[in-house]
C-alpha atoms as a PDB file:
ATOM      1  CA  MET A   1      79.003  75.290 197.481  1.00  0.00           C
ATOM      2  CA  LYS A   2      76.610  76.019 194.449  1.00  0.00           C
ATOM      3  CA  PRO A   3      77.468  74.865 191.467  1.00  0.00           C
ATOM      4  CA  THR A   4      78.005  77.007 188.248  1.00  0.00           C
ATOM      5  CA  PRO A   5      74.838  77.008 186.048  1.00  0.00           C
ATOM      6  CA  VAL A   6      75.620  75.347 182.704  1.00  0.00           C
ATOM      7  CA  ASN A   7      74.735  78.032 179.882  1.00  0.00           C
ATOM      8  CA  ILE A   8      75.952  77.217 176.464  1.00  0.00           C
ATOM      9  CA  LYS A   9      75.322  79.345 173.708  1.00  0.00           C
ATOM     10  CA  ASN A  10      75.181  78.796 169.709  1.00  0.00           C
ATOM     11  CA  ARG A  11      76.550  82.355 168.857  1.00  0.00           C
ATOM     12  CA  ARG A  12      76.510  81.647 165.265  1.00  0.00           C
ATOM     13  CA  ALA A  13      72.664  81.097 165.213  1.00  0.00           C
ATOM     14  CA  SER A  14      71.737  84.718 165.762  1.00  0.00           C
ATOM     15  CA  PHE A  15      74.414  85.914 163.112  1.00  0.00           C
ATOM     16  CA  ASP A  16      73.017  83.004 160.205  1.00  0.00           C
ATOM     17  CA  TYR A  17      69.505  83.006 161.549  1.00  0.00           C
ATOM     18  CA  GLU A  18      66.499  85.376 161.910  1.00  0.00           C
ATOM     19  CA  ILE A  19      65.138  83.919 164.700  1.00  0.00           C
ATOM     20  CA  ILE A  20      61.198  83.567 164.396  1.00  0.00           C
ATOM     21  CA  ASP A  21      59.847  81.465 167.017  1.00  0.00           C
ATOM     22  CA  THR A  22      61.416  79.735 170.636  1.00  0.00           C
ATOM     23  CA  TYR A  23      60.660  76.857 172.421  1.00  0.00           C
ATOM     24  CA  THR A  24      62.397  75.338 176.022  1.00  0.00           C
ATOM     25  CA  ALA A  25      62.682  71.785 174.925  1.00  0.00           C
ATOM     26  CA  GLY A  26      63.466  68.819 177.598  1.00  0.00           C
ATOM     27  CA  ILE A  27      66.531  66.208 176.088  1.00  0.00           C
ATOM     28  CA  VAL A  28      66.870  62.479 176.344  1.00  0.00           C
ATOM     29  CA  LEU A  29      70.770  61.869 177.862  1.00  0.00           C
ATOM     30  CA  THR A  30      72.309  58.977 179.081  1.00  0.00           C
ATOM     31  CA  GLY A  31      73.600  59.496 182.832  1.00  0.00           C
ATOM     32  CA  THR A  32      77.452  59.727 181.847  1.00  0.00           C
ATOM     33  CA  GLU A  33      76.402  62.661 179.225  1.00  0.00           C
ATOM     34  CA  ILE A  34      74.297  64.411 181.909  1.00  0.00           C
ATOM     35  CA  LYS A  35      77.560  64.223 184.671  1.00  0.00           C
ATOM     36  CA  SER A  36      79.517  65.641 181.531  1.00  0.00           C
ATOM     37  CA  LEU A  37      77.495  68.488 180.950  1.00  0.00           C
ATOM     38  CA  ARG A  38      77.136  69.650 184.187  1.00  0.00           C
ATOM     39  CA  GLN A  39      81.028  70.449 184.401  1.00  0.00           C
ATOM     40  CA  GLY A  40      80.094  72.538 180.791  1.00  0.00           C
ATOM     41  CA  LYS A  41      81.857  69.978 178.253  1.00  0.00           C
ATOM     42  CA  GLY A  42      79.244  70.479 175.431  1.00  0.00           C
ATOM     43  CA  SER A  43      79.196  72.378 172.284  1.00  0.00           C
ATOM     44  CA  LEU A  44      76.643  73.602 169.748  1.00  0.00           C
ATOM     45  CA  VAL A  45      78.659  74.370 166.931  1.00  0.00           C
ATOM     46  CA  ASP A  46      76.774  73.048 163.701  1.00  0.00           C
ATOM     47  CA  THR A  47      74.083  71.677 165.431  1.00  0.00           C
ATOM     48  CA  PHE A  48      70.745  71.342 163.947  1.00  0.00           C
ATOM     49  CA  CYS A  49      67.364  69.648 164.328  1.00  0.00           C
ATOM     50  CA  TYR A  50      65.577  67.606 162.147  1.00  0.00           C
ATOM     51  CA  MET A  51      62.056  65.617 162.408  1.00  0.00           C
ATOM     52  CA  ASN A  52      61.972  62.130 161.837  1.00  0.00           C
ATOM     53  CA  ARG A  53      58.015  60.416 162.493  1.00  0.00           C
ATOM     54  CA  GLY A  54      56.902  63.128 164.467  1.00  0.00           C
ATOM     55  CA  GLU A  55      59.657  63.321 167.245  1.00  0.00           C
ATOM     56  CA  LEU A  56      62.052  65.772 167.090  1.00  0.00           C
ATOM     57  CA  TRP A  57      65.904  65.162 166.874  1.00  0.00           C
ATOM     58  CA  VAL A  58      68.899  67.205 167.405  1.00  0.00           C
ATOM     59  CA  LYS A  59      71.917  66.344 165.532  1.00  0.00           C
ATOM     60  CA  ASN A  60      75.941  66.997 165.844  1.00  0.00           C
ATOM     61  CA  MET A  61      75.234  68.077 169.349  1.00  0.00           C
ATOM     62  CA  TYR A  62      78.767  67.746 171.007  1.00  0.00           C
ATOM     63  CA  ILE A  63      78.762  66.830 174.771  1.00  0.00           C
ATOM     64  CA  ALA A  64      82.154  65.565 175.670  1.00  0.00           C
ATOM     65  CA  GLU A  65      82.982  61.884 177.051  1.00  0.00           C
ATOM     66  CA  TYR A  66      82.301  61.665 180.723  1.00  0.00           C
ATOM     67  CA  PHE A  67      86.114  61.410 182.106  1.00  0.00           C
ATOM     68  CA  TYR A  68      85.381  58.841 184.842  1.00  0.00           C
ATOM     69  CA  GLY A  69      82.883  56.564 182.313  1.00  0.00           C
ATOM     70  CA  SER A  70      85.034  53.646 181.753  1.00  0.00           C
ATOM     71  CA  TYR A  71      83.201  51.169 179.220  1.00  0.00           C
ATOM     72  CA  ASN A  72      79.816  52.461 179.676  1.00  0.00           C
ATOM     73  CA  ASN A  73      80.285  55.852 177.718  1.00  0.00           C
ATOM     74  CA  HIS A  74      78.578  57.635 175.107  1.00  0.00           C
ATOM     75  CA  ASN A  75      79.371  58.452 171.968  1.00  0.00           C
ATOM     76  CA  ALA A  76      80.249  61.962 171.576  1.00  0.00           C
ATOM     77  CA  ARG A  77      78.326  63.576 168.596  1.00  0.00           C
ATOM     78  CA  ARG A  78      75.446  60.820 168.943  1.00  0.00           C
ATOM     79  CA  GLU A  79      71.693  62.454 167.942  1.00  0.00           C
ATOM     80  CA  ARG A  80      69.486  62.581 170.776  1.00  0.00           C
ATOM     81  CA  LYS A  81      65.774  63.077 171.236  1.00  0.00           C
ATOM     82  CA  LEU A  82      64.107  66.419 172.072  1.00  0.00           C
ATOM     83  CA  LEU A  83      61.233  66.537 174.088  1.00  0.00           C
ATOM     84  CA  LEU A  84      57.939  68.795 173.018  1.00  0.00           C
ATOM     85  CA  THR A  85      54.700  69.077 173.886  1.00  0.00           C
ATOM     86  CA  LYS A  86      52.478  67.093 170.832  1.00  0.00           C
ATOM     87  CA  LYS A  87      50.827  70.546 169.981  1.00  0.00           C
ATOM     88  CA  GLU A  88      54.533  71.989 169.639  1.00  0.00           C
ATOM     89  CA  LEU A  89      55.626  69.143 167.804  1.00  0.00           C
ATOM     90  CA  GLY A  90      53.015  69.636 165.563  1.00  0.00           C
ATOM     91  CA  LYS A  91      53.013  73.379 165.115  1.00  0.00           C
ATOM     92  CA  LEU A  92      56.945  72.710 164.746  1.00  0.00           C
ATOM     93  CA  GLN A  93      55.736  70.296 161.819  1.00  0.00           C
ATOM     94  CA  ARG A  94      53.647  72.647 160.383  1.00  0.00           C
ATOM     95  CA  ASP A  95      55.870  75.207 160.249  1.00  0.00           C
ATOM     96  CA  LEU A  96      58.636  73.140 158.936  1.00  0.00           C
ATOM     97  CA  LEU A  97      56.976  72.543 155.581  1.00  0.00           C
ATOM     98  CA  ASN A  98      57.499  76.196 154.538  1.00  0.00           C
ATOM     99  CA  PRO A  99      60.911  76.166 152.535  1.00  0.00           C
ATOM    100  CA  GLY A 100      63.471  77.966 154.423  1.00  0.00           C
ATOM    101  CA  PHE A 101      62.708  77.363 157.878  1.00  0.00           C
ATOM    102  CA  THR A 102      64.562  75.420 160.163  1.00  0.00           C
ATOM    103  CA  VAL A 103      64.790  74.640 163.836  1.00  0.00           C
ATOM    104  CA  VAL A 104      68.094  75.423 165.484  1.00  0.00           C
ATOM    105  CA  PRO A 105      69.128  74.506 168.922  1.00  0.00           C
ATOM    106  CA  LEU A 106      69.690  78.347 170.483  1.00  0.00           C
ATOM    107  CA  ARG A 107      70.812  77.797 174.089  1.00  0.00           C
ATOM    108  CA  LEU A 108      71.537  74.704 176.045  1.00  0.00           C
ATOM    109  CA  PHE A 109      71.053  74.882 180.402  1.00  0.00           C
ATOM    110  CA  ILE A 110      70.456  73.351 182.812  1.00  0.00           C
ATOM    111  CA  ASN A 111      67.472  74.430 184.717  1.00  0.00           C
ATOM    112  CA  GLU A 112      66.503  74.919 188.507  1.00  0.00           C
ATOM    113  CA  LYS A 113      65.135  71.590 188.914  1.00  0.00           C
ATOM    114  CA  GLY A 114      68.386  70.382 187.565  1.00  0.00           C
ATOM    115  CA  LEU A 115      67.241  69.195 184.274  1.00  0.00           C
ATOM    116  CA  ALA A 116      69.048  69.738 180.775  1.00  0.00           C
ATOM    117  CA  LYS A 117      66.898  71.621 178.683  1.00  0.00           C
ATOM    118  CA  VAL A 118      67.512  73.203 174.659  1.00  0.00           C
ATOM    119  CA  ALA A 119      66.311  76.400 174.010  1.00  0.00           C
ATOM    120  CA  ILE A 120      65.017  75.995 170.035  1.00  0.00           C
ATOM    121  CA  GLY A 121      64.412  78.425 167.439  1.00  0.00           C
ATOM    122  CA  LEU A 122      62.327  78.360 164.671  1.00  0.00           C
ATOM    123  CA  CYS A 123      64.367  79.830 162.011  1.00  0.00           C
ATOM    124  CA  LYS A 124      64.706  81.434 159.045  1.00  0.00           C
ATOM    125  CA  GLY A 125      68.416  81.879 157.116  1.00  0.00           C
ATOM    126  CA  LYS A 126      69.771  84.894 156.408  1.00  0.00           C
ATOM    127  CA  LYS A 127      71.218  85.942 152.936  1.00  0.00           C
ATOM    128  CA  GLU A 128      74.153  87.981 152.647  1.00  0.00           C
ATOM    129  CA  TYR A 129      73.281  90.969 152.494  1.00  0.00           C
ATOM    130  CA  ASP A 130      71.000  90.692 155.668  1.00  0.00           C
ATOM    131  CA  LYS A 131      74.025  89.238 157.428  1.00  0.00           C
ATOM    132  CA  ARG A 132      76.578  92.843 156.501  1.00  0.00           C
ATOM    133  CA  GLU A 133      73.500  94.659 157.814  1.00  0.00           C
ATOM    134  CA  THR A 134      73.915  92.278 161.383  1.00  0.00           C
ATOM    135  CA  ILE A 135      77.902  93.674 161.247  1.00  0.00           C
ATOM    136  CA  ARG A 136      76.569  97.018 160.417  1.00  0.00           C
ATOM    137  CA  GLU A 137      74.529  97.360 163.198  1.00  0.00           C
ATOM    138  CA  ARG A 138      76.599  95.599 165.624  1.00  0.00           C
ATOM    139  CA  ASP A 139      79.428  98.230 165.136  1.00  0.00           C
ATOM    140  CA  ASP A 140      77.122 101.275 164.938  1.00  0.00           C
ATOM    141  CA  LYS A 141      75.794 100.326 168.445  1.00  0.00           C
ATOM    142  CA  ARG A 142      79.559  99.296 169.641  1.00  0.00           C
ATOM    143  CA  TYR A 143      80.517 102.675 168.248  1.00  0.00           C
ATOM    144  CA  MET A 144      77.480 104.855 169.849  1.00  0.00           C
ATOM    145  CA  ASP A 145      78.747 102.993 173.045  1.00  0.00           C
ATOM    146  CA  ARG A 146      81.987 104.195 173.142  1.00  0.00           C
ATOM    147  CA  PHE A 147      81.205 107.375 172.866  1.00  0.00           C
ATOM    148  CA  MET A 148      78.228 108.116 175.172  1.00  0.00           C
ATOM    149  CA  LYS A 149      80.210 106.724 177.888  1.00  0.00           C
ATOM    150  CA  HIS A 150      82.893 109.410 177.274  1.00  0.00           C
END
């Protein structure tokens, strides 16, 4: 029996931000966190990344406490370190110096080797009119799809 693939998405990210560049980062987890994550109990709502002493950290990522994890259970919203190469970290740090840029987790998944990974994006915040334009494009596409099928 093959386990169900874990693929937790941040749906607000593409609506609130214009994604400039994407990276795949490893994530430092404890034993109970990875067990809980393999059950699909995680969320990327209101999650963001920040640089601290040349390291990239993710804040506010929710991974539910493991049901069988007695006294050594983890804090559900603790800060977790992301693993990137020095070259990628340097590039992100330079890009974050520009005003309006931020790093946002886009997707949390487990790769084919069984390791937890986070797809992160270098993003620029959208203005209100850009968001309205995104809604309009989505509605137009839905309308076109509806009439092309019939």
